[in-house]
Protein backbone atom coordinates (compact mmCIF):
# COMPACT_ATOMS: atom_id res chain seq x y z
CA MET A 1 11.81 -30.71 -21.59
CA THR A 2 10.22 -28.32 -24.19
CA LYS A 3 7.56 -27.14 -21.69
CA ARG A 4 10.18 -26.54 -19.02
CA VAL A 5 12.40 -24.54 -21.36
CA ARG A 6 9.28 -22.37 -22.57
CA GLY A 7 8.31 -21.69 -19.04
CA GLU A 8 11.80 -20.62 -17.98
CA ILE A 9 12.13 -18.40 -21.07
CA SER A 10 8.85 -16.75 -20.29
CA ARG A 11 9.91 -16.08 -16.62
CA TYR A 12 13.14 -14.78 -17.68
CA LEU A 13 11.69 -12.27 -20.29
CA ARG A 14 9.11 -11.15 -17.73
CA LYS A 15 11.83 -10.56 -15.14
CA THR A 16 14.25 -8.85 -17.27
CA ASN A 17 11.54 -6.61 -18.73
CA ILE A 18 13.61 -6.05 -21.88
CA GLU A 19 11.98 -5.34 -25.09
CA SER A 20 11.90 -8.39 -27.31
CA SER A 21 10.56 -9.33 -30.74
CA ARG A 22 7.86 -11.90 -31.18
CA ASN A 23 10.19 -14.47 -32.27
CA MET A 24 12.63 -14.02 -29.40
CA PRO A 25 11.20 -16.85 -27.23
CA ARG A 26 11.45 -19.16 -30.29
CA LEU A 27 15.16 -18.28 -30.66
CA PHE A 28 15.76 -19.20 -27.19
CA GLU A 29 13.92 -22.43 -27.44
CA ASP A 30 15.76 -23.46 -30.71
CA VAL A 31 19.22 -22.74 -29.49
CA ILE A 32 18.72 -24.51 -26.05
CA SER A 33 16.84 -27.40 -27.53
CA ALA A 34 19.43 -27.85 -30.31
CA TYR A 35 22.17 -27.96 -27.83
CA CYS A 36 20.40 -30.51 -25.63
CA ASN A 37 19.54 -32.62 -28.59
CA HIS A 38 23.16 -32.50 -29.94
CA ASN A 39 24.68 -33.32 -26.43
CA HIS A 40 22.64 -36.12 -25.05
CA ARG A 41 24.78 -36.40 -21.92
CA VAL A 42 23.81 -32.88 -20.88
CA GLU A 43 20.56 -32.38 -19.01
CA TYR A 44 18.67 -29.16 -19.34
CA TYR A 45 18.78 -26.83 -16.29
CA PRO A 46 17.02 -23.39 -15.91
CA ALA A 47 20.19 -21.31 -15.75
CA MET A 48 20.72 -22.36 -19.51
CA VAL A 49 18.31 -19.41 -20.34
CA ASN A 50 20.47 -16.93 -18.57
CA LEU A 51 23.52 -18.24 -20.15
CA CYS A 52 21.85 -18.24 -23.60
CA ALA A 53 20.41 -14.74 -23.44
CA PRO A 54 23.52 -12.60 -24.19
CA PHE A 55 23.99 -14.44 -27.40
CA ILE A 56 20.36 -14.31 -28.41
CA TYR A 57 20.37 -10.48 -27.94
CA SER A 58 23.88 -9.84 -29.31
CA VAL A 59 24.37 -12.25 -32.24
CA LYS A 60 22.33 -11.85 -35.38
CA ARG A 61 22.31 -15.33 -36.82
CA GLU A 62 20.67 -18.24 -34.90
CA CYS A 63 23.39 -20.65 -35.91
CA ASP A 64 26.05 -18.29 -34.54
CA ALA A 65 24.13 -17.87 -31.36
CA PHE A 66 24.06 -21.57 -30.94
CA LEU A 67 27.87 -21.94 -31.45
CA CYS A 68 28.56 -19.25 -28.99
CA PHE A 69 26.26 -20.83 -26.50
CA GLU A 70 27.69 -24.30 -27.14
CA LYS A 71 31.17 -22.96 -26.50
CA MET A 72 30.16 -21.18 -23.29
CA ILE A 73 28.41 -24.31 -21.80
CA ASN A 74 31.37 -26.61 -22.92
CA THR A 75 33.88 -24.28 -21.42
CA LEU A 76 31.99 -24.39 -18.17
CA ASP A 77 31.50 -28.02 -18.17
CA ASP A 78 35.31 -28.72 -18.86
CA HIS A 79 36.30 -26.38 -16.03
CA PHE A 80 34.06 -27.78 -13.34
CA SER A 81 34.75 -31.36 -14.40
CA SER A 82 38.40 -30.83 -13.54
CA ARG A 83 37.66 -28.78 -10.42
CA SER A 84 34.30 -29.39 -8.61
CA ILE A 85 31.95 -26.45 -7.73
CA ASN A 86 32.59 -27.13 -4.11
CA GLU A 87 36.33 -26.83 -4.56
CA SER A 88 35.86 -23.55 -6.46
CA VAL A 89 33.51 -22.19 -3.84
CA ALA A 90 36.04 -23.16 -1.03
CA SER A 91 38.81 -21.27 -2.88
CA PHE A 92 36.50 -18.24 -3.42
CA MET A 93 35.60 -18.16 0.22
CA THR A 94 39.33 -18.02 1.08
CA LEU A 95 39.78 -15.12 -1.31
CA PHE A 96 36.86 -13.41 0.05
CA ARG A 97 38.04 -13.67 3.67
CA THR A 98 41.40 -12.37 2.67
CA CYS A 99 40.45 -9.51 0.35
CA ILE A 100 37.30 -8.13 2.12
CA PRO A 101 37.60 -9.29 5.72
CA ASP A 102 35.23 -6.72 7.05
CA LEU A 103 32.37 -7.72 4.82
CA TYR A 104 33.13 -11.45 5.29
CA SER A 105 32.63 -10.82 9.18
CA TYR A 106 29.49 -8.86 8.51
CA PHE A 107 28.01 -11.70 6.49
CA GLU A 108 28.88 -14.10 9.27
CA GLU A 109 27.21 -11.91 11.86
CA GLU A 110 24.09 -11.57 9.70
CA GLU A 111 24.25 -15.48 9.02
CA VAL A 112 24.26 -14.86 5.25
CA ASP A 113 25.21 -18.07 3.42
CA ILE A 114 27.46 -16.43 0.76
CA LYS A 115 28.42 -19.94 -0.38
CA GLU A 116 25.01 -20.35 -2.03
CA TRP A 117 25.55 -17.09 -3.91
CA ALA A 118 29.06 -17.90 -4.85
CA ALA A 119 28.11 -21.41 -6.29
CA SER A 120 25.61 -19.77 -8.59
CA ALA A 121 27.80 -16.75 -9.54
CA LEU A 122 30.92 -19.04 -10.29
CA GLN A 123 29.01 -21.96 -12.02
CA PHE A 124 26.76 -19.64 -14.24
CA VAL A 125 29.28 -16.71 -14.72
CA LEU A 126 26.90 -14.19 -13.00
CA SER A 127 24.39 -14.51 -15.55
CA ARG A 128 21.58 -15.12 -13.10
CA GLU A 129 22.74 -12.20 -10.76
CA LEU A 130 23.57 -9.29 -13.25
CA SER A 131 21.24 -7.50 -15.55
CA LEU A 132 21.55 -8.49 -19.09
CA GLU A 133 23.30 -5.39 -20.11
CA ASN A 134 25.88 -5.82 -17.35
CA THR A 135 26.36 -9.50 -18.18
CA MET A 136 27.01 -8.64 -21.81
CA ARG A 137 29.58 -6.03 -20.81
CA LEU A 138 31.35 -8.46 -18.40
CA TRP A 139 31.42 -11.20 -21.02
CA ASP A 140 32.77 -8.76 -23.65
CA THR A 141 35.80 -8.41 -21.29
CA TYR A 142 35.94 -12.08 -20.85
CA PHE A 143 35.99 -13.10 -24.40
CA ALA A 144 38.98 -10.69 -24.99
CA VAL A 145 41.29 -12.75 -22.79
CA PRO A 146 42.53 -16.29 -23.01
CA ASP A 147 41.99 -17.14 -19.24
CA TRP A 148 38.79 -15.46 -18.31
CA ILE A 149 37.28 -18.44 -16.48
CA GLU A 150 40.41 -18.15 -13.98
CA LEU A 151 39.73 -14.50 -13.74
CA HIS A 152 36.04 -14.83 -12.99
CA PRO A 153 36.29 -15.19 -9.20
CA PHE A 154 38.15 -11.87 -9.07
CA PHE A 155 35.22 -10.23 -10.91
CA CYS A 156 32.83 -11.71 -8.21
CA LEU A 157 34.95 -10.22 -5.55
CA ALA A 158 35.14 -6.96 -7.33
CA ILE A 159 31.31 -6.73 -7.19
CA LEU A 160 31.29 -7.56 -3.50
CA ARG A 161 33.88 -4.95 -2.68
CA HIS A 162 32.05 -2.30 -4.85
CA LEU A 163 28.74 -2.96 -3.13
CA LYS A 164 30.45 -3.33 0.42
CA GLU A 165 29.02 -0.22 1.89
CA ASN A 166 25.54 -0.67 0.69
CA LEU A 167 25.56 -4.36 1.81
CA GLU A 168 26.89 -3.56 5.27
CA GLU A 169 23.74 -1.38 5.70
CA LEU A 170 21.26 -4.23 5.06
CA GLU A 171 20.03 -7.19 7.21
CA GLN A 172 20.15 -10.80 6.12
CA SER A 173 17.06 -11.01 3.92
CA GLU A 174 17.84 -7.76 2.26
CA ILE A 175 21.46 -8.82 1.61
CA ARG A 176 20.22 -11.95 -0.09
CA THR A 177 17.79 -10.10 -2.26
CA MET A 178 20.43 -7.70 -3.51
CA LEU A 179 22.95 -10.48 -4.14
CA MET A 180 20.48 -12.48 -6.02
CA ARG A 181 19.54 -9.54 -8.36
CA LEU A 182 22.40 -7.10 -8.25
CA PRO A 183 21.64 -3.52 -9.04
CA PRO A 184 22.87 -1.86 -12.36
CA LEU A 185 26.73 -1.52 -12.03
CA ASP A 186 29.48 0.52 -13.68
CA MET A 187 31.22 -2.46 -15.30
CA ASP A 188 34.22 -0.63 -16.41
CA GLN A 189 34.86 0.16 -12.70
CA ILE A 190 34.30 -3.44 -11.81
CA VAL A 191 36.71 -4.66 -14.46
CA ASN A 192 39.42 -2.35 -13.17
CA GLU A 193 38.69 -3.30 -9.57
CA ALA A 194 38.99 -7.09 -10.50
CA PHE A 195 42.27 -6.81 -12.13
CA ASN A 196 43.64 -4.72 -8.97
CA ILE A 197 42.32 -7.44 -6.66
CA ARG A 198 44.05 -10.08 -8.84
CA HIS A 199 47.27 -8.08 -8.58
CA GLU A 200 46.89 -7.67 -4.79
CA ILE A 201 46.45 -11.50 -4.45
CA LEU A 202 49.48 -12.17 -6.69
CA GLU A 203 51.66 -9.78 -4.69
CA ARG A 204 50.57 -11.30 -1.44
CA GLN A 205 51.39 -14.77 -2.60
CA ILE A 206 54.80 -13.72 -3.79
CA SER A 207 55.44 -12.03 -0.44
CA ASP A 208 54.42 -15.14 1.36
CA ASP A 209 56.58 -17.37 -0.75
CA SER A 210 59.64 -15.22 -0.08
CA LEU A 211 59.32 -15.48 3.82
C-alpha cells in the first residue's frame, strides 16, 4: 500500500502545482497510512489523497490533520452506507434535470455521462474536481453548518449552473475535461447560488404538496 500512496501523493503534488515543503509528502503518507492501519476494514483508494490535502495544508499539527481526515472519511462512509452512491446519483440527476433543464438536455445531446462526474463529486466532496484553494473554501462553509453532507448536492448543482454558458459552448470531450478539472471559481458566489437552489427546490416541493 505504501508504494501506491506515495505514487498518488507524487501525482497529486505535480498536478496541483502548489508549493510544498520537503516533508509535505511524508505528512500525507503518515496521515493516510495511520488511518488505514487504524481502520483495518477500510481499503486505501486514490481519492484519499485529495480528501486529505485540505487538512495537510490548513492544519499545523499532524495529529490534528489526522483527526480531521478521519472525521471526514467516517462521515462519508456513514452517509453512503445508509444511502448508496447509486441512489445519491439518481437523486442528483433528478435535481439536475429539474433545476438546469437546458444544460441537462445539452449533455444528453452531446452524450456526456454526467453520472460518472456526479458519482465522484458526491462521493469525494468535489476534492478531485476543484482546485485545492476552492476545495478549502467550500469545506470551510461545510464545517460551519450541521447538515453539510445533505447540502452538498446543491453545491454541485450551483457549479453546473455557474458554468452553464461555458459548458454549452463545448463538445463532449471538452465538457468532460472541464468537469474533471474545474476552473478557478468564485466560491462565495457558488455558496450563495447553492442556497438559492436549495430554497427553489424546497419551495417547489411545498407547492407540489399543496396541490
